[in-house]
PDB file of all heavy atoms in Angstrom:
ATOM      1  N   SER A   1      97.205 100.449  99.179  1.00  0.00           N
ATOM      2  CA  SER A   1      97.065 100.317 100.615  1.00  0.00           C
ATOM      3  C   SER A   1      96.212 101.461 101.129  1.00  0.00           C
ATOM      4  O   SER A   1      96.134 102.521 100.501  1.00  0.00           O
ATOM      5  CB  SER A   1      98.426 100.297 101.317  1.00  0.00           C
ATOM      6  OG  SER A   1      99.125 101.512 101.098  1.00  0.00           O
ATOM      7  N   TYR A   2      95.577 101.247 102.284  1.00  0.00           N
ATOM      8  CA  TYR A   2      94.628 102.206 102.815  1.00  0.00           C
ATOM      9  C   TYR A   2      94.757 102.316 104.320  1.00  0.00           C
ATOM     10  O   TYR A   2      95.114 101.354 105.004  1.00  0.00           O
ATOM     11  CB  TYR A   2      93.192 101.790 102.480  1.00  0.00           C
ATOM     12  CG  TYR A   2      92.923 101.674 101.008  1.00  0.00           C
ATOM     13  CD1 TYR A   2      93.093 100.465 100.344  1.00  0.00           C
ATOM     14  CD2 TYR A   2      92.508 102.776 100.275  1.00  0.00           C
ATOM     15  CE1 TYR A   2      92.857 100.360  98.988  1.00  0.00           C
ATOM     16  CE2 TYR A   2      92.265 102.680  98.913  1.00  0.00           C
ATOM     17  CZ  TYR A   2      92.443 101.472  98.278  1.00  0.00           C
ATOM     18  OH  TYR A   2      92.208 101.374  96.925  1.00  0.00           O
ATOM     19  N   ALA A   3      94.444 103.490 104.803  1.00  0.00           N
ATOM     20  CA  ALA A   3      94.277 103.650 106.231  1.00  0.00           C
ATOM     21  C   ALA A   3      93.065 102.849 106.685  1.00  0.00           C
ATOM     22  O   ALA A   3      92.121 102.637 105.913  1.00  0.00           O
ATOM     23  CB  ALA A   3      94.098 105.122 106.581  1.00  0.00           C
ATOM     24  N   ASP A   4      93.086 102.418 107.930  1.00  0.00           N
ATOM     25  CA  ASP A   4      91.966 101.641 108.441  1.00  0.00           C
ATOM     26  C   ASP A   4      90.646 102.391 108.293  1.00  0.00           C
ATOM     27  O   ASP A   4      89.601 101.789 108.009  1.00  0.00           O
ATOM     28  CB  ASP A   4      92.197 101.275 109.905  1.00  0.00           C
ATOM     29  CG  ASP A   4      93.256 100.212 110.085  1.00  0.00           C
ATOM     30  OD1 ASP A   4      93.571  99.507 109.101  1.00  0.00           O
ATOM     31  OD2 ASP A   4      93.774 100.085 111.206  1.00  0.00           O
ATOM     32  N   SER A   5      90.687 103.690 108.470  1.00  0.00           N
ATOM     33  CA  SER A   5      89.480 104.492 108.384  1.00  0.00           C
ATOM     34  C   SER A   5      88.916 104.556 106.973  1.00  0.00           C
ATOM     35  O   SER A   5      87.750 104.907 106.791  1.00  0.00           O
ATOM     36  CB  SER A   5      89.753 105.913 108.889  1.00  0.00           C
ATOM     37  OG  SER A   5      90.752 106.545 108.113  1.00  0.00           O
ATOM     38  N   ALA A   6      89.737 104.232 105.986  1.00  0.00           N
ATOM     39  CA  ALA A   6      89.327 104.328 104.591  1.00  0.00           C
ATOM     40  C   ALA A   6      89.002 102.986 103.955  1.00  0.00           C
ATOM     41  O   ALA A   6      88.331 102.950 102.913  1.00  0.00           O
ATOM     42  CB  ALA A   6      90.426 105.009 103.775  1.00  0.00           C
ATOM     43  N   LYS A   7      89.450 101.921 104.548  1.00  0.00           N
ATOM     44  CA  LYS A   7      89.249 100.601 103.958  1.00  0.00           C
ATOM     45  C   LYS A   7      87.772 100.299 103.767  1.00  0.00           C
ATOM     46  O   LYS A   7      86.953 100.523 104.647  1.00  0.00           O
ATOM     47  CB  LYS A   7      89.882  99.523 104.838  1.00  0.00           C
ATOM     48  CG  LYS A   7      91.393  99.512 104.811  1.00  0.00           C
ATOM     49  CD  LYS A   7      91.954  98.427 105.716  1.00  0.00           C
ATOM     50  CE  LYS A   7      93.470  98.421 105.691  1.00  0.00           C
ATOM     51  NZ  LYS A   7      94.034  97.417 106.629  1.00  0.00           N
ATOM     52  N   GLY A   8      87.464  99.790 102.594  1.00  0.00           N
ATOM     53  CA  GLY A   8      86.093  99.441 102.273  1.00  0.00           C
ATOM     54  C   GLY A   8      85.267 100.588 101.754  1.00  0.00           C
ATOM     55  O   GLY A   8      84.165 100.363 101.234  1.00  0.00           O
ATOM     56  N   ARG A   9      85.759 101.806 101.887  1.00  0.00           N
ATOM     57  CA  ARG A   9      85.017 102.979 101.440  1.00  0.00           C
ATOM     58  C   ARG A   9      85.744 103.769 100.359  1.00  0.00           C
ATOM     59  O   ARG A   9      85.099 104.365  99.501  1.00  0.00           O
ATOM     60  CB  ARG A   9      84.724 103.912 102.615  1.00  0.00           C
ATOM     61  CG  ARG A   9      83.906 103.272 103.726  1.00  0.00           C
ATOM     62  CD  ARG A   9      83.484 104.302 104.759  1.00  0.00           C
ATOM     63  NE  ARG A   9      84.637 104.942 105.393  1.00  0.00           N
ATOM     64  CZ  ARG A   9      84.868 106.263 105.373  1.00  0.00           C
ATOM     65  NH1 ARG A   9      84.022 107.069 104.755  1.00  0.00           N
ATOM     66  NH2 ARG A   9      85.928 106.757 105.988  1.00  0.00           N
ATOM     67  N   PHE A  10      87.062 103.779 100.418  1.00  0.00           N
ATOM     68  CA  PHE A  10      87.868 104.560  99.476  1.00  0.00           C
ATOM     69  C   PHE A  10      88.618 103.624  98.542  1.00  0.00           C
ATOM     70  O   PHE A  10      89.033 102.526  98.939  1.00  0.00           O
ATOM     71  CB  PHE A  10      88.893 105.421 100.213  1.00  0.00           C
ATOM     72  CG  PHE A  10      88.322 106.536 101.044  1.00  0.00           C
ATOM     73  CD1 PHE A  10      86.957 106.687 101.232  1.00  0.00           C
ATOM     74  CD2 PHE A  10      89.179 107.452 101.640  1.00  0.00           C
ATOM     75  CE1 PHE A  10      86.441 107.719 102.006  1.00  0.00           C
ATOM     76  CE2 PHE A  10      88.680 108.486 102.408  1.00  0.00           C
ATOM     77  CZ  PHE A  10      87.310 108.621 102.594  1.00  0.00           C
ATOM     78  N   THR A  11      88.817 104.069  97.313  1.00  0.00           N
ATOM     79  CA  THR A  11      89.591 103.323  96.336  1.00  0.00           C
ATOM     80  C   THR A  11      90.534 104.270  95.610  1.00  0.00           C
ATOM     81  O   THR A  11      90.096 105.282  95.062  1.00  0.00           O
ATOM     82  CB  THR A  11      88.690 102.621  95.311  1.00  0.00           C
ATOM     83  OG1 THR A  11      87.787 101.735  95.976  1.00  0.00           O
ATOM     84  CG2 THR A  11      89.535 101.820  94.327  1.00  0.00           C
ATOM     85  N   ILE A  12      91.812 103.937  95.617  1.00  0.00           N
ATOM     86  CA  ILE A  12      92.785 104.715  94.873  1.00  0.00           C
ATOM     87  C   ILE A  12      93.070 104.008  93.555  1.00  0.00           C
ATOM     88  O   ILE A  12      93.158 102.780  93.497  1.00  0.00           O
ATOM     89  CB  ILE A  12      94.079 104.936  95.684  1.00  0.00           C
ATOM     90  CG1 ILE A  12      95.022 105.904  94.963  1.00  0.00           C
ATOM     91  CG2 ILE A  12      94.769 103.618  95.991  1.00  0.00           C
ATOM     92  CD1 ILE A  12      96.210 106.342  95.813  1.00  0.00           C
ATOM     93  N   SER A  13      93.195 104.773  92.504  1.00  0.00           N
ATOM     94  CA  SER A  13      93.485 104.220  91.195  1.00  0.00           C
ATOM     95  C   SER A  13      94.272 105.241  90.391  1.00  0.00           C
ATOM     96  O   SER A  13      94.420 106.385  90.807  1.00  0.00           O
ATOM     97  CB  SER A  13      92.200 103.831  90.455  1.00  0.00           C
ATOM     98  OG  SER A  13      91.377 104.963  90.238  1.00  0.00           O
ATOM     99  N   ARG A  14      94.769 104.822  89.253  1.00  0.00           N
ATOM    100  CA  ARG A  14      95.522 105.742  88.409  1.00  0.00           C
ATOM    101  C   ARG A  14      95.264 105.458  86.950  1.00  0.00           C
ATOM    102  O   ARG A  14      94.902 104.346  86.557  1.00  0.00           O
ATOM    103  CB  ARG A  14      97.021 105.647  88.707  1.00  0.00           C
ATOM    104  CG  ARG A  14      97.646 104.323  88.288  1.00  0.00           C
ATOM    105  CD  ARG A  14      99.081 104.221  88.738  1.00  0.00           C
ATOM    106  NE  ARG A  14      99.666 102.940  88.367  1.00  0.00           N
ATOM    107  CZ  ARG A  14     100.694 102.386  88.964  1.00  0.00           C
ATOM    108  NH1 ARG A  14     101.283 103.017  89.990  1.00  0.00           N
ATOM    109  NH2 ARG A  14     101.150 101.213  88.557  1.00  0.00           N
ATOM    110  N   ASP A  15      95.455 106.481  86.153  1.00  0.00           N
ATOM    111  CA  ASP A  15      95.390 106.382  84.709  1.00  0.00           C
ATOM    112  C   ASP A  15      96.707 106.937  84.202  1.00  0.00           C
ATOM    113  O   ASP A  15      96.883 108.154  84.123  1.00  0.00           O
ATOM    114  CB  ASP A  15      94.204 107.154  84.154  1.00  0.00           C
ATOM    115  CG  ASP A  15      94.011 106.961  82.663  1.00  0.00           C
ATOM    116  OD1 ASP A  15      94.996 106.645  81.958  1.00  0.00           O
ATOM    117  OD2 ASP A  15      92.878 107.128  82.185  1.00  0.00           O
ATOM    118  N   ASN A  16      97.628 106.058  83.874  1.00  0.00           N
ATOM    119  CA  ASN A  16      98.958 106.493  83.473  1.00  0.00           C
ATOM    120  C   ASN A  16      98.936 107.324  82.192  1.00  0.00           C
ATOM    121  O   ASN A  16      99.740 108.247  82.031  1.00  0.00           O
ATOM    122  CB  ASN A  16      99.876 105.287  83.300  1.00  0.00           C
ATOM    123  CG  ASN A  16     100.223 104.623  84.610  1.00  0.00           C
ATOM    124  OD1 ASN A  16     100.239 105.266  85.662  1.00  0.00           O
ATOM    125  ND2 ASN A  16     100.513 103.331  84.562  1.00  0.00           N
ATOM    126  N   ALA A  17      98.035 106.997  81.283  1.00  0.00           N
ATOM    127  CA  ALA A  17      97.944 107.746  80.039  1.00  0.00           C
ATOM    128  C   ALA A  17      97.554 109.197  80.283  1.00  0.00           C
ATOM    129  O   ALA A  17      97.934 110.085  79.521  1.00  0.00           O
ATOM    130  CB  ALA A  17      96.955 107.083  79.085  1.00  0.00           C
ATOM    131  N   LYS A  18      96.792 109.435  81.334  1.00  0.00           N
ATOM    132  CA  LYS A  18      96.355 110.786  81.672  1.00  0.00           C
ATOM    133  C   LYS A  18      97.190 111.416  82.772  1.00  0.00           C
ATOM    134  O   LYS A  18      96.905 112.541  83.183  1.00  0.00           O
ATOM    135  CB  LYS A  18      94.888 110.773  82.092  1.00  0.00           C
ATOM    136  CG  LYS A  18      93.933 110.338  80.993  1.00  0.00           C
ATOM    137  CD  LYS A  18      92.500 110.363  81.480  1.00  0.00           C
ATOM    138  CE  LYS A  18      91.541 109.958  80.379  1.00  0.00           C
ATOM    139  NZ  LYS A  18      90.133 109.956  80.844  1.00  0.00           N
ATOM    140  N   ASN A  19      98.197 110.691  83.252  1.00  0.00           N
ATOM    141  CA  ASN A  19      99.038 111.182  84.342  1.00  0.00           C
ATOM    142  C   ASN A  19      98.204 111.631  85.533  1.00  0.00           C
ATOM    143  O   ASN A  19      98.453 112.679  86.131  1.00  0.00           O
ATOM    144  CB  ASN A  19      99.934 112.324  83.865  1.00  0.00           C
ATOM    145  CG  ASN A  19     100.914 111.902  82.797  1.00  0.00           C
ATOM    146  OD1 ASN A  19     101.572 110.880  82.931  1.00  0.00           O
ATOM    147  ND2 ASN A  19     101.025 112.691  81.740  1.00  0.00           N
ATOM    148  N   THR A  20      97.229 110.828  85.865  1.00  0.00           N
ATOM    149  CA  THR A  20      96.270 111.202  86.886  1.00  0.00           C
ATOM    150  C   THR A  20      96.054 110.055  87.858  1.00  0.00           C
ATOM    151  O   THR A  20      95.960 108.898  87.452  1.00  0.00           O
ATOM    152  CB  THR A  20      94.934 111.609  86.256  1.00  0.00           C
ATOM    153  OG1 THR A  20      95.145 112.721  85.376  1.00  0.00           O
ATOM    154  CG2 THR A  20      93.924 112.009  87.319  1.00  0.00           C
ATOM    155  N   VAL A  21      95.965 110.397  89.123  1.00  0.00           N
ATOM    156  CA  VAL A  21      95.606 109.444  90.157  1.00  0.00           C
ATOM    157  C   VAL A  21      94.284 109.897  90.761  1.00  0.00           C
ATOM    158  O   VAL A  21      94.019 111.099  90.865  1.00  0.00           O
ATOM    159  CB  VAL A  21      96.712 109.314  91.221  1.00  0.00           C
ATOM    160  CG1 VAL A  21      96.934 110.631  91.952  1.00  0.00           C
ATOM    161  CG2 VAL A  21      96.395 108.199  92.196  1.00  0.00           C
ATOM    162  N   TYR A  22      93.458 108.945  91.152  1.00  0.00           N
ATOM    163  CA  TYR A  22      92.129 109.235  91.649  1.00  0.00           C
ATOM    164  C   TYR A  22      91.940 108.674  93.050  1.00  0.00           C
ATOM    165  O   TYR A  22      92.584 107.704  93.443  1.00  0.00           O
ATOM    166  CB  TYR A  22      91.059 108.621  90.745  1.00  0.00           C
ATOM    167  CG  TYR A  22      91.150 109.039  89.306  1.00  0.00           C
ATOM    168  CD1 TYR A  22      91.830 108.259  88.378  1.00  0.00           C
ATOM    169  CD2 TYR A  22      90.552 110.215  88.866  1.00  0.00           C
ATOM    170  CE1 TYR A  22      91.915 108.637  87.053  1.00  0.00           C
ATOM    171  CE2 TYR A  22      90.628 110.603  87.544  1.00  0.00           C
ATOM    172  CZ  TYR A  22      91.313 109.810  86.636  1.00  0.00           C
ATOM    173  OH  TYR A  22      91.387 110.194  85.318  1.00  0.00           O
ATOM    174  N   LEU A  23      91.049 109.282  93.765  1.00  0.00           N
ATOM    175  CA  LEU A  23      90.585 108.734  95.024  1.00  0.00           C
ATOM    176  C   LEU A  23      89.068 108.742  94.993  1.00  0.00           C
ATOM    177  O   LEU A  23      88.446 109.802  95.063  1.00  0.00           O
ATOM    178  CB  LEU A  23      91.101 109.536  96.221  1.00  0.00           C
ATOM    179  CG  LEU A  23      90.737 108.959  97.590  1.00  0.00           C
ATOM    180  CD1 LEU A  23      91.447 107.624  97.816  1.00  0.00           C
ATOM    181  CD2 LEU A  23      91.087 109.937  98.710  1.00  0.00           C
ATOM    182  N   GLN A  24      88.486 107.562  94.854  1.00  0.00           N
ATOM    183  CA  GLN A  24      87.042 107.414  94.879  1.00  0.00           C
ATOM    184  C   GLN A  24      86.612 107.197  96.319  1.00  0.00           C
ATOM    185  O   GLN A  24      87.068 106.251  96.961  1.00  0.00           O
ATOM    186  CB  GLN A  24      86.610 106.237  94.012  1.00  0.00           C
ATOM    187  CG  GLN A  24      85.109 105.978  94.014  1.00  0.00           C
ATOM    188  CD  GLN A  24      84.325 107.086  93.364  1.00  0.00           C
ATOM    189  OE1 GLN A  24      84.638 107.506  92.259  1.00  0.00           O
ATOM    190  NE2 GLN A  24      83.305 107.576  94.051  1.00  0.00           N
ATOM    191  N   MET A  25      85.757 108.060  96.805  1.00  0.00           N
ATOM    192  CA  MET A  25      85.314 108.013  98.187  1.00  0.00           C
ATOM    193  C   MET A  25      83.814 107.772  98.224  1.00  0.00           C
ATOM    194  O   MET A  25      83.051 108.482  97.577  1.00  0.00           O
ATOM    195  CB  MET A  25      85.662 109.308  98.916  1.00  0.00           C
ATOM    196  CG  MET A  25      87.139 109.676  98.847  1.00  0.00           C
ATOM    197  SD  MET A  25      87.545 111.139  99.824  1.00  0.00           S
ATOM    198  CE  MET A  25      86.639 112.381  98.905  1.00  0.00           C
ATOM    199  N   SER A  26      83.414 106.784  98.999  1.00  0.00           N
ATOM    200  CA  SER A  26      82.011 106.436  99.145  1.00  0.00           C
ATOM    201  C   SER A  26      81.660 106.363 100.618  1.00  0.00           C
ATOM    202  O   SER A  26      82.538 106.298 101.481  1.00  0.00           O
ATOM    203  CB  SER A  26      81.710 105.100  98.467  1.00  0.00           C
ATOM    204  OG  SER A  26      82.010 105.136  97.089  1.00  0.00           O
ATOM    205  N   SER A  27      80.363 106.354 100.887  1.00  0.00           N
ATOM    206  CA  SER A  27      79.872 106.280 102.269  1.00  0.00           C
ATOM    207  C   SER A  27      80.576 107.298 103.152  1.00  0.00           C
ATOM    208  O   SER A  27      81.048 106.983 104.247  1.00  0.00           O
ATOM    209  CB  SER A  27      80.052 104.864 102.818  1.00  0.00           C
ATOM    210  OG  SER A  27      79.364 103.922 102.033  1.00  0.00           O
ATOM    211  N   LEU A  28      80.628 108.508 102.679  1.00  0.00           N
ATOM    212  CA  LEU A  28      81.379 109.544 103.373  1.00  0.00           C
ATOM    213  C   LEU A  28      80.756 109.876 104.722  1.00  0.00           C
ATOM    214  O   LEU A  28      79.536 109.850 104.888  1.00  0.00           O
ATOM    215  CB  LEU A  28      81.470 110.793 102.510  1.00  0.00           C
ATOM    216  CG  LEU A  28      82.476 110.694 101.357  1.00  0.00           C
ATOM    217  CD1 LEU A  28      82.225 111.778 100.324  1.00  0.00           C
ATOM    218  CD2 LEU A  28      83.900 110.778 101.894  1.00  0.00           C
ATOM    219  N   LYS A  29      81.621 110.182 105.662  1.00  0.00           N
ATOM    220  CA  LYS A  29      81.238 110.522 107.017  1.00  0.00           C
ATOM    221  C   LYS A  29      81.717 111.923 107.348  1.00  0.00           C
ATOM    222  O   LYS A  29      82.686 112.400 106.764  1.00  0.00           O
ATOM    223  CB  LYS A  29      81.863 109.529 108.009  1.00  0.00           C
ATOM    224  CG  LYS A  29      81.597 108.072 107.706  1.00  0.00           C
ATOM    225  CD  LYS A  29      82.403 107.175 108.631  1.00  0.00           C
ATOM    226  CE  LYS A  29      82.184 105.710 108.316  1.00  0.00           C
ATOM    227  NZ  LYS A  29      83.005 104.841 109.196  1.00  0.00           N
ATOM    228  N   PRO A  30      81.073 112.575 108.297  1.00  0.00           N
ATOM    229  CA  PRO A  30      81.546 113.908 108.684  1.00  0.00           C
ATOM    230  C   PRO A  30      83.015 113.926 109.083  1.00  0.00           C
ATOM    231  O   PRO A  30      83.704 114.918 108.830  1.00  0.00           O
ATOM    232  CB  PRO A  30      80.639 114.269 109.861  1.00  0.00           C
ATOM    233  CG  PRO A  30      79.370 113.544 109.566  1.00  0.00           C
ATOM    234  CD  PRO A  30      79.799 112.238 108.953  1.00  0.00           C
ATOM    235  N   GLU A  31      83.500 112.855 109.678  1.00  0.00           N
ATOM    236  CA  GLU A  31      84.892 112.807 110.074  1.00  0.00           C
ATOM    237  C   GLU A  31      85.859 112.702 108.898  1.00  0.00           C
ATOM    238  O   GLU A  31      87.075 112.782 109.086  1.00  0.00           O
ATOM    239  CB  GLU A  31      85.153 111.661 111.062  1.00  0.00           C
ATOM    240  CG  GLU A  31      84.614 110.321 110.606  1.00  0.00           C
ATOM    241  CD  GLU A  31      83.254 109.999 111.213  1.00  0.00           C
ATOM    242  OE1 GLU A  31      82.389 110.901 111.226  1.00  0.00           O
ATOM    243  OE2 GLU A  31      83.060 108.861 111.678  1.00  0.00           O
ATOM    244  N   ASP A  32      85.333 112.517 107.692  1.00  0.00           N
ATOM    245  CA  ASP A  32      86.164 112.557 106.498  1.00  0.00           C
ATOM    246  C   ASP A  32      86.465 113.984 106.055  1.00  0.00           C
ATOM    247  O   ASP A  32      87.265 114.187 105.135  1.00  0.00           O
ATOM    248  CB  ASP A  32      85.500 111.808 105.343  1.00  0.00           C
ATOM    249  CG  ASP A  32      85.372 110.319 105.601  1.00  0.00           C
ATOM    250  OD1 ASP A  32      86.331 109.721 106.140  1.00  0.00           O
ATOM    251  OD2 ASP A  32      84.321 109.748 105.252  1.00  0.00           O
ATOM    252  N   THR A  33      85.818 114.943 106.664  1.00  0.00           N
ATOM    253  CA  THR A  33      86.043 116.334 106.309  1.00  0.00           C
ATOM    254  C   THR A  33      87.504 116.706 106.522  1.00  0.00           C
ATOM    255  O   THR A  33      88.051 116.529 107.609  1.00  0.00           O
ATOM    256  CB  THR A  33      85.142 117.252 107.142  1.00  0.00           C
ATOM    257  OG1 THR A  33      83.772 117.004 106.810  1.00  0.00           O
ATOM    258  CG2 THR A  33      85.460 118.713 106.873  1.00  0.00           C
ATOM    259  N   ALA A  34      88.133 117.213 105.477  1.00  0.00           N
ATOM    260  CA  ALA A  34      89.550 117.543 105.536  1.00  0.00           C
ATOM    261  C   ALA A  34      89.978 118.155 104.215  1.00  0.00           C
ATOM    262  O   ALA A  34      89.243 118.122 103.227  1.00  0.00           O
ATOM    263  CB  ALA A  34      90.392 116.292 105.816  1.00  0.00           C
ATOM    264  N   VAL A  35      91.175 118.703 104.215  1.00  0.00           N
ATOM    265  CA  VAL A  35      91.839 119.057 102.975  1.00  0.00           C
ATOM    266  C   VAL A  35      92.598 117.830 102.497  1.00  0.00           C
ATOM    267  O   VAL A  35      93.432 117.285 103.225  1.00  0.00           O
ATOM    268  CB  VAL A  35      92.795 120.248 103.154  1.00  0.00           C
ATOM    269  CG1 VAL A  35      93.575 120.497 101.866  1.00  0.00           C
ATOM    270  CG2 VAL A  35      92.022 121.494 103.552  1.00  0.00           C
ATOM    271  N   TYR A  36      92.303 117.400 101.296  1.00  0.00           N
ATOM    272  CA  TYR A  36      92.933 116.220 100.726  1.00  0.00           C
ATOM    273  C   TYR A  36      94.008 116.642  99.740  1.00  0.00           C
ATOM    274  O   TYR A  36      93.758 117.449  98.846  1.00  0.00           O
ATOM    275  CB  TYR A  36      91.894 115.340 100.022  1.00  0.00           C
ATOM    276  CG  TYR A  36      91.018 114.576 100.980  1.00  0.00           C
ATOM    277  CD1 TYR A  36      90.047 115.226 101.722  1.00  0.00           C
ATOM    278  CD2 TYR A  36      91.176 113.203 101.143  1.00  0.00           C
ATOM    279  CE1 TYR A  36      89.250 114.530 102.616  1.00  0.00           C
ATOM    280  CE2 TYR A  36      90.381 112.493 102.028  1.00  0.00           C
ATOM    281  CZ  TYR A  36      89.422 113.156 102.767  1.00  0.00           C
ATOM    282  OH  TYR A  36      88.632 112.459 103.651  1.00  0.00           O
ATOM    283  N   SER A  37      95.195 116.085  99.903  1.00  0.00           N
ATOM    284  CA  SER A  37      96.326 116.417  99.058  1.00  0.00           C
ATOM    285  C   SER A  37      96.919 115.161  98.462  1.00  0.00           C
ATOM    286  O   SER A  37      97.000 114.130  99.133  1.00  0.00           O
ATOM    287  CB  SER A  37      97.408 117.149  99.856  1.00  0.00           C
ATOM    288  OG  SER A  37      96.907 118.336 100.440  1.00  0.00           O
ATOM    289  N   CYS A  38      97.346 115.249  97.222  1.00  0.00           N
ATOM    290  CA  CYS A  38      98.064 114.134  96.634  1.00  0.00           C
ATOM    291  C   CYS A  38      99.554 114.408  96.705  1.00  0.00           C
ATOM    292  O   CYS A  38      99.997 115.561  96.767  1.00  0.00           O
ATOM    293  CB  CYS A  38      97.615 113.855  95.195  1.00  0.00           C
ATOM    294  SG  CYS A  38      98.036 115.119  93.986  1.00  0.00           S
ATOM    295  N   ALA A  39     100.329 113.351  96.716  1.00  0.00           N
ATOM    296  CA  ALA A  39     101.770 113.459  96.828  1.00  0.00           C
ATOM    297  C   ALA A  39     102.425 112.377  95.992  1.00  0.00           C
ATOM    298  O   ALA A  39     102.006 111.219  96.037  1.00  0.00           O
ATOM    299  CB  ALA A  39     102.213 113.341  98.284  1.00  0.00           C
TER     300      ALA A  39
END
């Protein structure tokens, strides 16, 4: 699921073997500027 501001531009995925989750961000905008944290 995605925030409206992220839909169509961001993709979340995971690799269970690597115990890692990813956030692929495309078409970035200045308003995307932030500290990004995983939880």
